[in-house]
Amino acid sequence: PRQFSRAFRAETGQSPAKAIEQLRVEAARELIGDGRHSMDEIAIETGFADRERMRRAFLRVLGQPPQAIRRHARVAAQTAA
């Protein structure tokens, strides 16, 4: 595992854990923009233990909470309609 982690970091510039977190955040962001699921459902569906861990990951990766993404998606949908 340690050798894999070193090789992964050398190739991508980030740890495997950070890469997985980023992929989960991107998947959750897509579902949030869809607007059909609760935050709890999105957290579980994308591999987070709960919505609080998802919120913390959003803050680390995107610098804003998932609720801000949802609000922005709603406003964009309203102005497009």
C-alpha atoms as a PDB file:
ATOM      1  CA  PRO A   1       0.000   0.000   0.000  1.00  0.00           C
ATOM      2  CA  ARG A   2       2.785   2.462   0.805  1.00  0.00           C
ATOM      3  CA  GLN A   3       4.511   1.878  -2.535  1.00  0.00           C
ATOM      4  CA  PHE A   4       1.216   2.330  -4.372  1.00  0.00           C
ATOM      5  CA  SER A   5       0.611   5.567  -2.488  1.00  0.00           C
ATOM      6  CA  ARG A   6       4.073   6.885  -3.421  1.00  0.00           C
ATOM      7  CA  ALA A   7       3.655   5.926  -7.072  1.00  0.00           C
ATOM      8  CA  PHE A   8       0.148   7.420  -7.200  1.00  0.00           C
ATOM      9  CA  ARG A   9       1.356  10.684  -5.675  1.00  0.00           C
ATOM     10  CA  ALA A  10       4.294  10.822  -8.096  1.00  0.00           C
ATOM     11  CA  GLU A  11       1.932  10.432 -11.070  1.00  0.00           C
ATOM     12  CA  THR A  12      -0.982  12.591  -9.950  1.00  0.00           C
ATOM     13  CA  GLY A  13       0.457  14.990  -7.399  1.00  0.00           C
ATOM     14  CA  GLN A  14      -2.057  13.964  -4.756  1.00  0.00           C
ATOM     15  CA  SER A  15      -2.645  11.085  -2.390  1.00  0.00           C
ATOM     16  CA  PRO A  16      -5.120   8.326  -3.282  1.00  0.00           C
ATOM     17  CA  ALA A  17      -7.381   9.472  -0.440  1.00  0.00           C
ATOM     18  CA  LYS A  18      -7.489  13.051  -1.759  1.00  0.00           C
ATOM     19  CA  ALA A  19      -8.208  11.814  -5.284  1.00  0.00           C
ATOM     20  CA  ILE A  20     -11.107   9.690  -4.048  1.00  0.00           C
ATOM     21  CA  GLU A  21     -12.450  12.583  -1.994  1.00  0.00           C
ATOM     22  CA  GLN A  22     -12.323  14.851  -5.032  1.00  0.00           C
ATOM     23  CA  LEU A  23     -14.160  12.278  -7.168  1.00  0.00           C
ATOM     24  CA  ARG A  24     -16.837  11.909  -4.489  1.00  0.00           C
ATOM     25  CA  VAL A  25     -17.288  15.680  -4.238  1.00  0.00           C
ATOM     26  CA  GLU A  26     -17.633  15.961  -8.022  1.00  0.00           C
ATOM     27  CA  ALA A  27     -20.232  13.171  -8.083  1.00  0.00           C
ATOM     28  CA  ALA A  28     -22.134  14.783  -5.200  1.00  0.00           C
ATOM     29  CA  ARG A  29     -22.041  18.170  -6.928  1.00  0.00           C
ATOM     30  CA  GLU A  30     -23.680  16.623  -9.995  1.00  0.00           C
ATOM     31  CA  LEU A  31     -26.467  15.116  -7.880  1.00  0.00           C
ATOM     32  CA  ILE A  32     -26.962  18.369  -5.970  1.00  0.00           C
ATOM     33  CA  GLY A  33     -27.371  20.261  -9.231  1.00  0.00           C
ATOM     34  CA  ASP A  34     -30.001  17.743 -10.274  1.00  0.00           C
ATOM     35  CA  GLY A  35     -32.075  18.797  -7.253  1.00  0.00           C
ATOM     36  CA  ARG A  36     -34.033  15.554  -6.903  1.00  0.00           C
ATOM     37  CA  HIS A  37     -32.299  14.088  -3.848  1.00  0.00           C
ATOM     38  CA  SER A  38     -31.869  15.107  -0.221  1.00  0.00           C
ATOM     39  CA  MET A  39     -28.408  15.943   1.079  1.00  0.00           C
ATOM     40  CA  ASP A  40     -28.480  12.785   3.213  1.00  0.00           C
ATOM     41  CA  GLU A  41     -29.243  10.628   0.156  1.00  0.00           C
ATOM     42  CA  ILE A  42     -26.495  12.308  -1.852  1.00  0.00           C
ATOM     43  CA  ALA A  43     -23.949  11.826   0.934  1.00  0.00           C
ATOM     44  CA  ILE A  44     -24.662   8.102   1.200  1.00  0.00           C
ATOM     45  CA  GLU A  45     -24.906   7.595  -2.569  1.00  0.00           C
ATOM     46  CA  THR A  46     -21.497   9.173  -3.178  1.00  0.00           C
ATOM     47  CA  GLY A  47     -19.674   7.308  -0.425  1.00  0.00           C
ATOM     48  CA  PHE A  48     -19.609   9.782   2.443  1.00  0.00           C
ATOM     49  CA  ALA A  49     -20.437   8.461   5.904  1.00  0.00           C
ATOM     50  CA  ASP A  50     -22.957  11.267   6.481  1.00  0.00           C
ATOM     51  CA  ARG A  51     -23.886  14.755   5.312  1.00  0.00           C
ATOM     52  CA  GLU A  52     -21.497  16.445   7.780  1.00  0.00           C
ATOM     53  CA  ARG A  53     -18.493  14.625   6.333  1.00  0.00           C
ATOM     54  CA  MET A  54     -19.709  15.557   2.864  1.00  0.00           C
ATOM     55  CA  ARG A  55     -19.996  19.200   3.962  1.00  0.00           C
ATOM     56  CA  ARG A  56     -16.429  19.191   5.302  1.00  0.00           C
ATOM     57  CA  ALA A  57     -15.134  17.637   2.079  1.00  0.00           C
ATOM     58  CA  PHE A  58     -16.940  20.304   0.021  1.00  0.00           C
ATOM     59  CA  LEU A  59     -15.320  23.016   2.119  1.00  0.00           C
ATOM     60  CA  ARG A  60     -11.869  21.472   1.613  1.00  0.00           C
ATOM     61  CA  VAL A  61     -12.220  20.830  -2.119  1.00  0.00           C
ATOM     62  CA  LEU A  62     -14.511  23.630  -3.336  1.00  0.00           C
ATOM     63  CA  GLY A  63     -14.294  26.184  -0.546  1.00  0.00           C
ATOM     64  CA  GLN A  64     -18.075  26.255  -0.086  1.00  0.00           C
ATOM     65  CA  PRO A  65     -20.697  24.019   1.483  1.00  0.00           C
ATOM     66  CA  PRO A  66     -23.013  21.842  -0.606  1.00  0.00           C
ATOM     67  CA  GLN A  67     -25.998  24.024   0.362  1.00  0.00           C
ATOM     68  CA  ALA A  68     -24.405  26.943  -1.504  1.00  0.00           C
ATOM     69  CA  ILE A  69     -24.102  24.763  -4.615  1.00  0.00           C
ATOM     70  CA  ARG A  70     -27.767  23.798  -4.307  1.00  0.00           C
ATOM     71  CA  ARG A  71     -28.859  27.439  -3.894  1.00  0.00           C
ATOM     72  CA  HIS A  72     -26.835  28.448  -6.936  1.00  0.00           C
ATOM     73  CA  ALA A  73     -28.348  25.614  -9.003  1.00  0.00           C
ATOM     74  CA  ARG A  74     -31.880  26.663  -7.993  1.00  0.00           C
ATOM     75  CA  VAL A  75     -31.254  30.290  -8.932  1.00  0.00           C
ATOM     76  CA  ALA A  76     -29.772  29.231 -12.270  1.00  0.00           C
ATOM     77  CA  ALA A  77     -32.779  26.997 -12.984  1.00  0.00           C
ATOM     78  CA  GLN A  78     -35.209  29.810 -12.147  1.00  0.00           C
ATOM     79  CA  THR A  79     -33.470  32.342 -14.374  1.00  0.00           C
ATOM     80  CA  ALA A  80     -33.318  29.832 -17.238  1.00  0.00           C
ATOM     81  CA  ALA A  81     -37.061  29.171 -17.032  1.00  0.00           C
END
